[in-house]
Amino acid sequence: MLELYQRVALGCDLPEYHLKKGDVAMLIDYVTHPTGGEDGYILEIFNAVGESIAVVTVPQSAIEPLPTNAVLAVRSLVETK
């Protein structure tokens, strides 16, 4: 089980929040599925300067531990055309 307050990577896109696979989030709580389905996590998402921009609930399968051989990057939340 992952530890509270550790950083994790999203394992899938969350288009309703403009978040993409690989974005970094902070695991802030565990959620037990009420009817026996997949348990989940509550994540807090921060912008590049540390301001909270979203709190989301996702199933356990939607996150991954941060890999040690990766580097963080910055991208805009605003879609450009």
PDB file of N, CA and C in Angstrom:
ATOM      1  N   MET A   1       0.851  -1.185   0.000  1.00  0.00           N
ATOM      2  CA  MET A   1       0.000   0.000   0.000  1.00  0.00           C
ATOM      3  C   MET A   1       0.892   1.243   0.000  1.00  0.00           C
ATOM      4  N   LEU A   2       0.480   2.228  -0.740  1.00  0.00           N
ATOM      5  CA  LEU A   2       1.215   3.484  -0.791  1.00  0.00           C
ATOM      6  C   LEU A   2       0.993   4.261   0.509  1.00  0.00           C
ATOM      7  N   GLU A   3       1.942   5.113   0.836  1.00  0.00           N
ATOM      8  CA  GLU A   3       1.871   5.886   2.071  1.00  0.00           C
ATOM      9  C   GLU A   3       1.180   7.226   1.834  1.00  0.00           C
ATOM     10  N   LEU A   4       0.468   7.685   2.861  1.00  0.00           N
ATOM     11  CA  LEU A   4      -0.143   9.010   2.788  1.00  0.00           C
ATOM     12  C   LEU A   4       0.925  10.070   2.606  1.00  0.00           C
ATOM     13  N   TYR A   5       0.565  11.108   1.887  1.00  0.00           N
ATOM     14  CA  TYR A   5       1.383  12.296   1.650  1.00  0.00           C
ATOM     15  C   TYR A   5       2.621  12.024   0.802  1.00  0.00           C
ATOM     16  N   GLN A   6       2.600  10.929   0.053  1.00  0.00           N
ATOM     17  CA  GLN A   6       3.678  10.732  -0.895  1.00  0.00           C
ATOM     18  C   GLN A   6       3.204  11.187  -2.266  1.00  0.00           C
ATOM     19  N   ARG A   7       4.146  11.573  -3.092  1.00  0.00           N
ATOM     20  CA  ARG A   7       3.817  11.974  -4.457  1.00  0.00           C
ATOM     21  C   ARG A   7       3.670  10.728  -5.313  1.00  0.00           C
ATOM     22  N   VAL A   8       2.684  10.777  -6.207  1.00  0.00           N
ATOM     23  CA  VAL A   8       2.421   9.684  -7.132  1.00  0.00           C
ATOM     24  C   VAL A   8       2.190  10.271  -8.519  1.00  0.00           C
ATOM     25  N   ALA A   9       2.228   9.425  -9.524  1.00  0.00           N
ATOM     26  CA  ALA A   9       1.952   9.851 -10.898  1.00  0.00           C
ATOM     27  C   ALA A   9       0.594   9.313 -11.318  1.00  0.00           C
ATOM     28  N   LEU A  10      -0.144  10.113 -12.059  1.00  0.00           N
ATOM     29  CA  LEU A  10      -1.397   9.622 -12.618  1.00  0.00           C
ATOM     30  C   LEU A  10      -1.083   8.571 -13.670  1.00  0.00           C
ATOM     31  N   GLY A  11      -1.826   7.491 -13.653  1.00  0.00           N
ATOM     32  CA  GLY A  11      -1.629   6.424 -14.621  1.00  0.00           C
ATOM     33  C   GLY A  11      -2.564   6.522 -15.806  1.00  0.00           C
ATOM     34  N   CYS A  12      -3.396   7.570 -15.822  1.00  0.00           N
ATOM     35  CA  CYS A  12      -4.345   7.774 -16.925  1.00  0.00           C
ATOM     36  C   CYS A  12      -4.695   9.258 -16.986  1.00  0.00           C
ATOM     37  N   ASP A  13      -5.240   9.670 -18.112  1.00  0.00           N
ATOM     38  CA  ASP A  13      -5.720  11.047 -18.257  1.00  0.00           C
ATOM     39  C   ASP A  13      -6.993  11.235 -17.444  1.00  0.00           C
ATOM     40  N   LEU A  14      -7.159  12.435 -16.893  1.00  0.00           N
ATOM     41  CA  LEU A  14      -8.413  12.847 -16.240  1.00  0.00           C
ATOM     42  C   LEU A  14      -8.882  14.120 -16.953  1.00  0.00           C
ATOM     43  N   PRO A  15      -9.480  13.981 -18.140  1.00  0.00           N
ATOM     44  CA  PRO A  15      -9.803  15.154 -18.961  1.00  0.00           C
ATOM     45  C   PRO A  15     -10.733  16.153 -18.286  1.00  0.00           C
ATOM     46  N   GLU A  16     -11.597  15.689 -17.383  1.00  0.00           N
ATOM     47  CA  GLU A  16     -12.514  16.625 -16.718  1.00  0.00           C
ATOM     48  C   GLU A  16     -11.779  17.619 -15.825  1.00  0.00           C
ATOM     49  N   TYR A  17     -10.527  17.297 -15.475  1.00  0.00           N
ATOM     50  CA  TYR A  17      -9.688  18.190 -14.661  1.00  0.00           C
ATOM     51  C   TYR A  17      -8.498  18.722 -15.453  1.00  0.00           C
ATOM     52  N   HIS A  18      -8.427  18.428 -16.748  1.00  0.00           N
ATOM     53  CA  HIS A  18      -7.306  18.818 -17.620  1.00  0.00           C
ATOM     54  C   HIS A  18      -5.991  18.208 -17.153  1.00  0.00           C
ATOM     55  N   LEU A  19      -6.059  17.023 -16.572  1.00  0.00           N
ATOM     56  CA  LEU A  19      -4.868  16.331 -16.083  1.00  0.00           C
ATOM     57  C   LEU A  19      -4.525  15.189 -17.036  1.00  0.00           C
ATOM     58  N   LYS A  20      -3.229  14.916 -17.142  1.00  0.00           N
ATOM     59  CA  LYS A  20      -2.756  13.898 -18.080  1.00  0.00           C
ATOM     60  C   LYS A  20      -1.945  12.832 -17.360  1.00  0.00           C
ATOM     61  N   LYS A  21      -1.890  11.668 -17.991  1.00  0.00           N
ATOM     62  CA  LYS A  21      -1.070  10.571 -17.483  1.00  0.00           C
ATOM     63  C   LYS A  21       0.340  11.102 -17.239  1.00  0.00           C
ATOM     64  N   GLY A  22       0.874  10.774 -16.076  1.00  0.00           N
ATOM     65  CA  GLY A  22       2.214  11.231 -15.718  1.00  0.00           C
ATOM     66  C   GLY A  22       2.234  12.472 -14.846  1.00  0.00           C
ATOM     67  N   ASP A  23       1.110  13.212 -14.772  1.00  0.00           N
ATOM     68  CA  ASP A  23       1.068  14.373 -13.883  1.00  0.00           C
ATOM     69  C   ASP A  23       1.261  13.894 -12.441  1.00  0.00           C
ATOM     70  N   VAL A  24       1.868  14.731 -11.634  1.00  0.00           N
ATOM     71  CA  VAL A  24       2.197  14.375 -10.251  1.00  0.00           C
ATOM     72  C   VAL A  24       1.097  14.860  -9.313  1.00  0.00           C
ATOM     73  N   ALA A  25       0.753  14.023  -8.343  1.00  0.00           N
ATOM     74  CA  ALA A  25      -0.278  14.345  -7.357  1.00  0.00           C
ATOM     75  C   ALA A  25       0.213  13.914  -5.981  1.00  0.00           C
ATOM     76  N   MET A  26      -0.414  14.436  -4.937  1.00  0.00           N
ATOM     77  CA  MET A  26      -0.119  14.057  -3.560  1.00  0.00           C
ATOM     78  C   MET A  26      -1.249  13.163  -3.067  1.00  0.00           C
ATOM     79  N   LEU A  27      -0.909  11.979  -2.572  1.00  0.00           N
ATOM     80  CA  LEU A  27      -1.905  11.051  -2.030  1.00  0.00           C
ATOM     81  C   LEU A  27      -2.282  11.547  -0.632  1.00  0.00           C
ATOM     82  N   ILE A  28      -3.546  11.939  -0.453  1.00  0.00           N
ATOM     83  CA  ILE A  28      -3.932  12.515   0.842  1.00  0.00           C
ATOM     84  C   ILE A  28      -4.891  11.651   1.656  1.00  0.00           C
ATOM     85  N   ASP A  29      -5.494  10.613   1.046  1.00  0.00           N
ATOM     86  CA  ASP A  29      -6.359   9.734   1.835  1.00  0.00           C
ATOM     87  C   ASP A  29      -6.687   8.477   1.043  1.00  0.00           C
ATOM     88  N   TYR A  30      -7.130   7.464   1.774  1.00  0.00           N
ATOM     89  CA  TYR A  30      -7.572   6.199   1.197  1.00  0.00           C
ATOM     90  C   TYR A  30      -9.093   6.177   1.187  1.00  0.00           C
ATOM     91  N   VAL A  31      -9.682   5.503   0.198  1.00  0.00           N
ATOM     92  CA  VAL A  31     -11.133   5.395   0.100  1.00  0.00           C
ATOM     93  C   VAL A  31     -11.485   3.920  -0.117  1.00  0.00           C
ATOM     94  N   THR A  32     -12.327   3.388   0.748  1.00  0.00           N
ATOM     95  CA  THR A  32     -12.825   2.030   0.586  1.00  0.00           C
ATOM     96  C   THR A  32     -14.077   2.071  -0.274  1.00  0.00           C
ATOM     97  N   HIS A  33     -14.137   1.212  -1.281  1.00  0.00           N
ATOM     98  CA  HIS A  33     -15.314   1.183  -2.159  1.00  0.00           C
ATOM     99  C   HIS A  33     -16.516   0.711  -1.349  1.00  0.00           C
ATOM    100  N   PRO A  34     -17.644   1.410  -1.422  1.00  0.00           N
ATOM    101  CA  PRO A  34     -18.792   1.081  -0.572  1.00  0.00           C
ATOM    102  C   PRO A  34     -19.467  -0.252  -0.892  1.00  0.00           C
ATOM    103  N   THR A  35     -19.277  -0.756  -2.114  1.00  0.00           N
ATOM    104  CA  THR A  35     -19.959  -2.009  -2.469  1.00  0.00           C
ATOM    105  C   THR A  35     -18.976  -3.119  -2.842  1.00  0.00           C
ATOM    106  N   GLY A  36     -17.736  -3.001  -2.410  1.00  0.00           N
ATOM    107  CA  GLY A  36     -16.773  -4.070  -2.643  1.00  0.00           C
ATOM    108  C   GLY A  36     -15.987  -3.980  -3.925  1.00  0.00           C
ATOM    109  N   GLY A  37     -16.131  -2.898  -4.672  1.00  0.00           N
ATOM    110  CA  GLY A  37     -15.353  -2.704  -5.895  1.00  0.00           C
ATOM    111  C   GLY A  37     -13.925  -2.287  -5.565  1.00  0.00           C
ATOM    112  N   GLU A  38     -13.254  -1.750  -6.548  1.00  0.00           N
ATOM    113  CA  GLU A  38     -11.861  -1.335  -6.376  1.00  0.00           C
ATOM    114  C   GLU A  38     -11.770  -0.147  -5.415  1.00  0.00           C
ATOM    115  N   ASP A  39     -10.939  -0.276  -4.393  1.00  0.00           N
ATOM    116  CA  ASP A  39     -10.706   0.838  -3.478  1.00  0.00           C
ATOM    117  C   ASP A  39      -9.977   1.953  -4.221  1.00  0.00           C
ATOM    118  N   GLY A  40      -9.914   3.113  -3.604  1.00  0.00           N
ATOM    119  CA  GLY A  40      -9.311   4.243  -4.296  1.00  0.00           C
ATOM    120  C   GLY A  40      -8.509   5.140  -3.390  1.00  0.00           C
ATOM    121  N   TYR A  41      -8.095   6.252  -3.973  1.00  0.00           N
ATOM    122  CA  TYR A  41      -7.305   7.258  -3.280  1.00  0.00           C
ATOM    123  C   TYR A  41      -7.891   8.633  -3.538  1.00  0.00           C
ATOM    124  N   ILE A  42      -7.729   9.520  -2.577  1.00  0.00           N
ATOM    125  CA  ILE A  42      -8.014  10.936  -2.779  1.00  0.00           C
ATOM    126  C   ILE A  42      -6.672  11.602  -3.013  1.00  0.00           C
ATOM    127  N   LEU A  43      -6.585  12.344  -4.103  1.00  0.00           N
ATOM    128  CA  LEU A  43      -5.346  12.999  -4.501  1.00  0.00           C
ATOM    129  C   LEU A  43      -5.536  14.509  -4.523  1.00  0.00           C
ATOM    130  N   GLU A  44      -4.492  15.227  -4.150  1.00  0.00           N
ATOM    131  CA  GLU A  44      -4.496  16.681  -4.317  1.00  0.00           C
ATOM    132  C   GLU A  44      -3.474  17.017  -5.391  1.00  0.00           C
ATOM    133  N   ILE A  45      -3.897  17.874  -6.309  1.00  0.00           N
ATOM    134  CA  ILE A  45      -3.054  18.276  -7.425  1.00  0.00           C
ATOM    135  C   ILE A  45      -2.626  19.719  -7.191  1.00  0.00           C
ATOM    136  N   PHE A  46      -1.357  19.983  -7.409  1.00  0.00           N
ATOM    137  CA  PHE A  46      -0.794  21.321  -7.220  1.00  0.00           C
ATOM    138  C   PHE A  46      -0.252  21.841  -8.544  1.00  0.00           C
ATOM    139  N   ASN A  47      -0.266  23.171  -8.707  1.00  0.00           N
ATOM    140  CA  ASN A  47       0.383  23.738  -9.890  1.00  0.00           C
ATOM    141  C   ASN A  47       1.888  23.818  -9.642  1.00  0.00           C
ATOM    142  N   ALA A  48       2.616  24.362 -10.596  1.00  0.00           N
ATOM    143  CA  ALA A  48       4.081  24.374 -10.529  1.00  0.00           C
ATOM    144  C   ALA A  48       4.639  25.194  -9.365  1.00  0.00           C
ATOM    145  N   VAL A  49       3.847  26.130  -8.824  1.00  0.00           N
ATOM    146  CA  VAL A  49       4.335  26.941  -7.708  1.00  0.00           C
ATOM    147  C   VAL A  49       3.756  26.496  -6.367  1.00  0.00           C
ATOM    148  N   GLY A  50       3.100  25.334  -6.345  1.00  0.00           N
ATOM    149  CA  GLY A  50       2.646  24.753  -5.088  1.00  0.00           C
ATOM    150  C   GLY A  50       1.252  25.111  -4.639  1.00  0.00           C
ATOM    151  N   GLU A  51       0.461  25.759  -5.498  1.00  0.00           N
ATOM    152  CA  GLU A  51      -0.917  26.100  -5.143  1.00  0.00           C
ATOM    153  C   GLU A  51      -1.829  24.930  -5.492  1.00  0.00           C
ATOM    154  N   SER A  52      -2.735  24.592  -4.595  1.00  0.00           N
ATOM    155  CA  SER A  52      -3.678  23.509  -4.838  1.00  0.00           C
ATOM    156  C   SER A  52      -4.641  23.901  -5.955  1.00  0.00           C
ATOM    157  N   ILE A  53      -4.808  23.008  -6.938  1.00  0.00           N
ATOM    158  CA  ILE A  53      -5.711  23.315  -8.048  1.00  0.00           C
ATOM    159  C   ILE A  53      -6.860  22.312  -8.171  1.00  0.00           C
ATOM    160  N   ALA A  54      -6.742  21.145  -7.516  1.00  0.00           N
ATOM    161  CA  ALA A  54      -7.826  20.166  -7.600  1.00  0.00           C
ATOM    162  C   ALA A  54      -7.648  19.099  -6.525  1.00  0.00           C
ATOM    163  N   VAL A  55      -8.768  18.555  -6.093  1.00  0.00           N
ATOM    164  CA  VAL A  55      -8.782  17.374  -5.238  1.00  0.00           C
ATOM    165  C   VAL A  55      -9.680  16.370  -5.958  1.00  0.00           C
ATOM    166  N   VAL A  56      -9.138  15.189  -6.240  1.00  0.00           N
ATOM    167  CA  VAL A  56      -9.862  14.193  -7.028  1.00  0.00           C
ATOM    168  C   VAL A  56      -9.825  12.842  -6.326  1.00  0.00           C
ATOM    169  N   THR A  57     -10.829  12.024  -6.612  1.00  0.00           N
ATOM    170  CA  THR A  57     -10.863  10.646  -6.131  1.00  0.00           C
ATOM    171  C   THR A  57     -10.698   9.735  -7.328  1.00  0.00           C
ATOM    172  N   VAL A  58      -9.765   8.797  -7.221  1.00  0.00           N
ATOM    173  CA  VAL A  58      -9.470   7.882  -8.327  1.00  0.00           C
ATOM    174  C   VAL A  58      -9.352   6.461  -7.795  1.00  0.00           C
ATOM    175  N   PRO A  59      -9.589   5.462  -8.643  1.00  0.00           N
ATOM    176  CA  PRO A  59      -9.345   4.079  -8.219  1.00  0.00           C
ATOM    177  C   PRO A  59      -7.844   3.824  -8.070  1.00  0.00           C
ATOM    178  N   GLN A  60      -7.496   2.816  -7.288  1.00  0.00           N
ATOM    179  CA  GLN A  60      -6.078   2.499  -7.066  1.00  0.00           C
ATOM    180  C   GLN A  60      -5.339   2.278  -8.373  1.00  0.00           C
ATOM    181  N   SER A  61      -5.994   1.697  -9.354  1.00  0.00           N
ATOM    182  CA  SER A  61      -5.344   1.393 -10.628  1.00  0.00           C
ATOM    183  C   SER A  61      -5.018   2.638 -11.447  1.00  0.00           C
ATOM    184  N   ALA A  62      -5.481   3.815 -11.019  1.00  0.00           N
ATOM    185  CA  ALA A  62      -5.262   5.043 -11.785  1.00  0.00           C
ATOM    186  C   ALA A  62      -4.012   5.801 -11.371  1.00  0.00           C
ATOM    187  N   ILE A  63      -3.232   5.251 -10.431  1.00  0.00           N
ATOM    188  CA  ILE A  63      -1.996   5.937 -10.043  1.00  0.00           C
ATOM    189  C   ILE A  63      -0.830   4.961 -10.037  1.00  0.00           C
ATOM    190  N   GLU A  64       0.364   5.536 -10.103  1.00  0.00           N
ATOM    191  CA  GLU A  64       1.598   4.762 -10.097  1.00  0.00           C
ATOM    192  C   GLU A  64       2.596   5.453  -9.171  1.00  0.00           C
ATOM    193  N   PRO A  65       3.488   4.685  -8.552  1.00  0.00           N
ATOM    194  CA  PRO A  65       4.555   5.328  -7.785  1.00  0.00           C
ATOM    195  C   PRO A  65       5.446   6.126  -8.742  1.00  0.00           C
ATOM    196  N   LEU A  66       6.063   7.185  -8.241  1.00  0.00           N
ATOM    197  CA  LEU A  66       6.984   7.939  -9.086  1.00  0.00           C
ATOM    198  C   LEU A  66       8.218   7.085  -9.372  1.00  0.00           C
ATOM    199  N   PRO A  67       8.617   6.993 -10.632  1.00  0.00           N
ATOM    200  CA  PRO A  67       9.815   6.219 -10.954  1.00  0.00           C
ATOM    201  C   PRO A  67      11.076   6.992 -10.569  1.00  0.00           C
ATOM    202  N   THR A  68      12.099   6.277 -10.169  1.00  0.00           N
ATOM    203  CA  THR A  68      13.352   6.934  -9.775  1.00  0.00           C
ATOM    204  C   THR A  68      14.156   7.401 -10.979  1.00  0.00           C
ATOM    205  N   ASN A  69      13.837   6.901 -12.160  1.00  0.00           N
ATOM    206  CA  ASN A  69      14.597   7.283 -13.345  1.00  0.00           C
ATOM    207  C   ASN A  69      13.853   8.289 -14.219  1.00  0.00           C
ATOM    208  N   ALA A  70      13.029   9.128 -13.595  1.00  0.00           N
ATOM    209  CA  ALA A  70      12.250  10.132 -14.332  1.00  0.00           C
ATOM    210  C   ALA A  70      12.580  11.523 -13.809  1.00  0.00           C
ATOM    211  N   VAL A  71      12.272  12.512 -14.623  1.00  0.00           N
ATOM    212  CA  VAL A  71      12.456  13.905 -14.247  1.00  0.00           C
ATOM    213  C   VAL A  71      11.108  14.613 -14.395  1.00  0.00           C
ATOM    214  N   LEU A  72      10.811  15.540 -13.500  1.00  0.00           N
ATOM    215  CA  LEU A  72       9.554  16.289 -13.578  1.00  0.00           C
ATOM    216  C   LEU A  72       9.633  17.326 -14.691  1.00  0.00           C
ATOM    217  N   ALA A  73       8.500  17.635 -15.291  1.00  0.00           N
ATOM    218  CA  ALA A  73       8.407  18.624 -16.348  1.00  0.00           C
ATOM    219  C   ALA A  73       7.243  19.563 -16.052  1.00  0.00           C
ATOM    220  N   VAL A  74       7.192  20.683 -16.739  1.00  0.00           N
ATOM    221  CA  VAL A  74       6.115  21.659 -16.566  1.00  0.00           C
ATOM    222  C   VAL A  74       5.343  21.742 -17.871  1.00  0.00           C
ATOM    223  N   ARG A  75       4.004  21.752 -17.764  1.00  0.00           N
ATOM    224  CA  ARG A  75       3.151  21.942 -18.932  1.00  0.00           C
ATOM    225  C   ARG A  75       2.000  22.850 -18.523  1.00  0.00           C
ATOM    226  N   SER A  76       1.393  23.487 -19.497  1.00  0.00           N
ATOM    227  CA  SER A  76       0.272  24.378 -19.233  1.00  0.00           C
ATOM    228  C   SER A  76      -1.010  23.578 -19.095  1.00  0.00           C
ATOM    229  N   LEU A  77      -1.881  24.008 -18.181  1.00  0.00           N
ATOM    230  CA  LEU A  77      -3.213  23.418 -18.069  1.00  0.00           C
ATOM    231  C   LEU A  77      -4.142  23.935 -19.143  1.00  0.00           C
ATOM    232  N   VAL A  78      -3.761  25.026 -19.793  1.00  0.00           N
ATOM    233  CA  VAL A  78      -4.571  25.630 -20.837  1.00  0.00           C
ATOM    234  C   VAL A  78      -4.252  24.955 -22.160  1.00  0.00           C
ATOM    235  N   GLU A  79      -5.280  24.470 -22.839  1.00  0.00           N
ATOM    236  CA  GLU A  79      -5.100  23.843 -24.140  1.00  0.00           C
ATOM    237  C   GLU A  79      -4.765  24.932 -25.171  1.00  0.00           C
ATOM    238  N   THR A  80      -3.752  24.683 -25.961  1.00  0.00           N
ATOM    239  CA  THR A  80      -3.420  25.615 -27.056  1.00  0.00           C
ATOM    240  C   THR A  80      -3.777  24.958 -28.374  1.00  0.00           C
ATOM    241  N   LYS A  81      -4.270  25.752 -29.300  1.00  0.00           N
ATOM    242  CA  LYS A  81      -4.676  25.205 -30.614  1.00  0.00           C
ATOM    243  C   LYS A  81      -3.806  25.736 -31.700  1.00  0.00           C
TER     244      LYS A  81
END
